[in-house]
């Protein structure tokens, strides 16, 4: 069983398999967890993958664990931020489900947006060796500048919808693009579009205004 409502099923299946195995970066793990909160039909597929992964682990020979106490301390420390986020009241809502609310520690209303272009705003949540995680607010009918990617880009629609050369993406859909894709996402005209995007390498703008606004995307 594969999730419905998506394009590029093979890349999506690979992404979900990485989630089931627990090998995704924190931002990408959050993106998939948020997708699963919105799209229950994907949960059975992931559950099957998790069961298969557990079976593989059970067949492995035990191995000694170096720095056991330090690793346990790191795990418990990582669990503190979700508790603080929920304590501040950001437990999720109809637009931002709990997994993303936990990661953001804020609601859309409290997000410190930065204007990139008329009708396009962003909030860069994190930017480190795990990749870049960004919230986008695109006014209805507005376009993101044409761009390609030095790596991979995963975009989850939280509200509204957008289209590109590969199809139409609505709430809960994940659009996946790589260095072979040059596209220009366009928000549907009837509503603003909110997206959560994770990239593992910088975007490269390719349209006629690309050189003018490239610094806005990088700084």
Protein backbone atom coordinates (compact mmCIF):
# COMPACT_ATOMS: atom_id res chain seq x y z
CA UNK A 1 0.00 0.00 0.00
CA UNK A 2 1.38 3.41 -0.95
CA UNK A 3 0.07 6.80 0.14
CA UNK A 4 -2.49 8.48 -2.09
CA UNK A 5 -2.62 12.05 -3.31
CA UNK A 6 1.09 12.30 -4.11
CA UNK A 7 3.28 12.52 -7.17
CA UNK A 8 6.65 10.80 -7.55
CA UNK A 9 5.63 7.77 -5.49
CA UNK A 10 9.08 6.16 -5.49
CA UNK A 11 10.88 9.17 -3.88
CA UNK A 12 8.02 9.50 -1.41
CA UNK A 13 8.24 5.82 -0.49
CA UNK A 14 11.99 6.23 0.02
CA UNK A 15 11.35 9.21 2.30
CA UNK A 16 8.78 7.30 4.35
CA UNK A 17 11.17 4.33 4.59
CA UNK A 18 13.84 6.64 6.00
CA UNK A 19 11.34 7.87 8.58
CA UNK A 20 10.43 4.31 9.57
CA UNK A 21 14.12 3.43 9.98
CA UNK A 22 14.79 6.56 12.03
CA UNK A 23 17.57 7.86 9.78
CA UNK A 24 16.16 11.27 8.76
CA UNK A 25 17.46 14.60 10.01
CA UNK A 26 15.38 16.32 12.69
CA UNK A 27 13.76 18.80 10.24
CA UNK A 28 12.95 16.08 7.71
CA UNK A 29 11.65 13.76 10.44
CA UNK A 30 9.37 16.60 11.55
CA UNK A 31 8.13 17.12 8.00
CA UNK A 32 7.16 13.46 7.62
CA UNK A 33 5.60 13.27 11.08
CA UNK A 34 3.49 16.32 10.21
CA UNK A 35 2.44 14.69 6.93
CA UNK A 36 1.34 11.59 8.85
CA UNK A 37 -0.69 13.75 11.25
CA UNK A 38 -2.53 15.31 8.30
CA UNK A 39 -2.81 12.20 6.11
CA UNK A 40 -3.83 9.13 8.15
CA UNK A 41 -3.84 7.01 4.98
CA UNK A 42 -0.03 7.11 4.98
CA UNK A 43 0.25 5.71 8.50
CA UNK A 44 -0.48 2.09 7.59
CA UNK A 45 2.29 2.13 4.97
CA UNK A 46 4.78 3.51 7.52
CA UNK A 47 3.61 1.02 10.14
CA UNK A 48 4.37 -1.83 7.75
CA UNK A 49 7.82 -0.40 7.11
CA UNK A 50 8.47 -0.02 10.85
CA UNK A 51 7.47 -3.64 11.45
CA UNK A 52 9.82 -4.80 8.70
CA UNK A 53 12.67 -2.70 10.13
CA UNK A 54 12.05 -4.08 13.63
CA UNK A 55 12.26 -7.61 12.23
CA UNK A 56 15.64 -6.84 10.68
CA UNK A 57 16.93 -5.42 13.98
CA UNK A 58 15.84 -8.52 15.88
CA UNK A 59 17.95 -10.67 13.57
CA UNK A 60 21.13 -8.67 14.24
CA UNK A 61 23.72 -9.90 16.73
CA UNK A 62 24.01 -7.74 19.89
CA UNK A 63 26.94 -5.34 19.92
CA UNK A 64 28.50 -3.32 22.75
CA UNK A 65 27.43 0.34 22.94
CA UNK A 66 30.18 2.91 23.43
CA UNK A 67 29.48 5.92 25.65
CA UNK A 68 26.14 4.49 26.79
CA UNK A 69 25.56 7.05 29.54
CA UNK A 70 26.40 10.02 27.29
CA UNK A 71 24.05 8.78 24.57
CA UNK A 72 21.21 8.28 27.04
CA UNK A 73 21.76 11.78 28.40
CA UNK A 74 21.58 13.22 24.88
CA UNK A 75 18.32 11.35 24.20
CA UNK A 76 16.69 12.62 27.38
CA UNK A 77 17.94 16.17 26.74
CA UNK A 78 16.44 16.10 23.23
CA UNK A 79 13.07 15.30 24.76
CA UNK A 80 12.95 18.51 26.81
CA UNK A 81 12.14 20.92 23.97
CA UNK A 82 8.78 19.31 23.04
CA UNK A 83 7.71 19.59 26.69
CA UNK A 84 8.63 23.29 26.79
CA UNK A 85 6.84 23.94 23.51
CA UNK A 86 3.62 22.34 24.68
CA UNK A 87 3.88 24.14 28.03
CA UNK A 88 3.92 27.45 26.15
CA UNK A 89 0.66 26.51 24.47
CA UNK A 90 1.92 25.47 21.04
CA UNK A 91 0.42 21.99 20.96
CA UNK A 92 -0.78 22.28 17.37
CA UNK A 93 -3.92 23.46 15.62
CA UNK A 94 -5.89 22.94 12.40
CA UNK A 95 -3.07 24.37 10.27
CA UNK A 96 0.08 23.36 12.17
CA UNK A 97 -0.23 19.85 13.69
CA UNK A 98 1.57 18.90 16.87
CA UNK A 99 4.82 17.53 15.35
CA UNK A 100 5.54 20.80 13.54
CA UNK A 101 4.26 22.96 16.42
CA UNK A 102 6.72 21.12 18.67
CA UNK A 103 9.55 21.83 16.25
CA UNK A 104 8.62 25.50 15.80
CA UNK A 105 7.70 26.34 19.37
CA UNK A 106 5.33 28.96 17.94
CA UNK A 107 2.08 29.36 16.06
CA UNK A 108 1.74 30.85 12.57
CA UNK A 109 0.34 34.01 14.16
CA UNK A 110 3.54 34.46 16.19
CA UNK A 111 5.97 33.58 13.40
CA UNK A 112 8.58 36.31 12.71
CA UNK A 113 8.05 36.42 8.93
CA UNK A 114 10.55 38.06 6.58
CA UNK A 115 9.44 39.41 3.21
CA UNK A 116 11.37 37.92 0.29
CA UNK A 117 9.31 39.33 -2.56
CA UNK A 118 5.91 41.02 -2.83
CA UNK A 119 3.47 38.35 -1.73
CA UNK A 120 6.14 35.88 -0.55
CA UNK A 121 7.37 35.63 3.04
CA UNK A 122 9.62 33.14 4.79
CA UNK A 123 10.70 32.12 8.27
CA UNK A 124 13.94 30.17 8.38
CA UNK A 125 13.47 27.77 11.27
CA UNK A 126 16.90 26.15 11.19
CA UNK A 127 19.99 26.19 9.01
CA UNK A 128 22.80 23.82 9.94
CA UNK A 129 24.56 20.64 8.87
CA UNK A 130 21.20 18.83 8.89
CA UNK A 131 19.91 21.15 6.15
CA UNK A 132 17.65 24.17 6.00
CA UNK A 133 14.06 24.18 7.29
CA UNK A 134 11.84 27.06 6.22
CA UNK A 135 8.21 28.11 6.51
CA UNK A 136 6.79 29.87 3.45
CA UNK A 137 3.75 32.12 3.20
CA UNK A 138 2.75 32.64 -0.43
CA UNK A 139 -0.17 34.93 -1.22
CA UNK A 140 -2.86 33.48 -3.46
CA UNK A 141 -1.79 33.56 -7.10
CA UNK A 142 1.82 34.53 -6.33
CA UNK A 143 4.83 32.67 -7.71
CA UNK A 144 8.09 31.53 -6.13
CA UNK A 145 10.96 32.49 -8.48
CA UNK A 146 12.07 29.72 -10.85
CA UNK A 147 14.75 27.62 -9.21
CA UNK A 148 16.59 24.34 -9.19
CA UNK A 149 18.42 22.60 -6.35
CA UNK A 150 21.96 21.65 -5.46
CA UNK A 151 20.49 18.76 -3.49
CA UNK A 152 16.98 17.68 -2.54
CA UNK A 153 13.96 19.75 -1.50
CA UNK A 154 10.93 18.41 0.35
CA UNK A 155 7.89 20.69 0.64
CA UNK A 156 4.82 19.90 2.75
CA UNK A 157 1.66 21.91 2.16
CA UNK A 158 0.07 23.05 5.42
CA UNK A 159 -2.71 25.22 4.03
CA UNK A 160 -3.91 26.21 0.58
CA UNK A 161 -2.30 24.65 -2.48
CA UNK A 162 0.27 25.24 -5.20
CA UNK A 163 1.18 23.89 -8.63
CA UNK A 164 4.42 23.33 -10.53
CA UNK A 165 5.51 21.38 -13.61
CA UNK A 166 4.89 18.08 -11.82
CA UNK A 167 1.38 18.63 -10.54
CA UNK A 168 -0.96 20.16 -7.99
CA UNK A 169 -0.24 19.90 -4.26
CA UNK A 170 -2.83 20.35 -1.52
CA UNK A 171 -2.78 20.20 2.28
CA UNK A 172 -0.80 17.18 3.42
CA UNK A 173 0.91 16.58 0.07
CA UNK A 174 4.71 16.39 -0.12
CA UNK A 175 6.42 17.77 -3.22
CA UNK A 176 9.89 16.32 -3.82
CA UNK A 177 12.43 17.98 -6.12
CA UNK A 178 16.14 17.52 -6.81
CA UNK A 179 18.88 18.93 -9.02
CA UNK A 180 17.13 17.60 -12.13
CA UNK A 181 14.05 19.74 -11.46
CA UNK A 182 13.77 23.38 -12.48
CA UNK A 183 10.37 24.67 -11.41
CA UNK A 184 8.33 27.70 -10.39
CA UNK A 185 5.70 26.90 -7.75
CA UNK A 186 2.53 29.00 -8.03
CA UNK A 187 -0.02 29.32 -5.21
CA UNK A 188 -3.65 28.72 -6.10
CA UNK A 189 -5.42 32.06 -6.68
CA UNK A 190 -8.24 31.54 -4.20
CA UNK A 191 -6.22 31.26 -0.96
CA UNK A 192 -2.82 31.90 0.59
CA UNK A 193 -0.48 28.90 0.71
CA UNK A 194 1.57 27.95 3.76
CA UNK A 195 4.34 25.37 3.31
CA UNK A 196 7.10 23.79 5.37
CA UNK A 197 10.18 23.05 3.26
CA UNK A 198 13.37 21.15 4.08
CA UNK A 199 16.43 21.25 1.82
CA UNK A 200 19.81 19.57 2.20
CA UNK A 201 21.59 22.07 -0.07
CA UNK A 202 20.96 25.67 -1.21
CA UNK A 203 18.47 26.62 -3.91
CA UNK A 204 19.74 28.09 -7.18
CA UNK A 205 17.46 30.67 -8.80
CA UNK A 206 17.22 30.30 -12.56
CA UNK A 207 14.67 32.88 -13.76
CA UNK A 208 15.44 36.31 -15.23
CA UNK A 209 15.31 37.96 -11.80
CA UNK A 210 17.34 35.22 -10.16
CA UNK A 211 20.55 37.24 -9.80
CA UNK A 212 18.65 40.08 -8.19
CA UNK A 213 16.93 38.08 -5.45
CA UNK A 214 19.45 35.26 -4.92
CA UNK A 215 20.97 37.03 -1.92
CA UNK A 216 17.54 37.22 -0.28
CA UNK A 217 17.34 33.43 -0.30
CA UNK A 218 20.88 32.96 0.99
CA UNK A 219 21.07 35.60 3.72
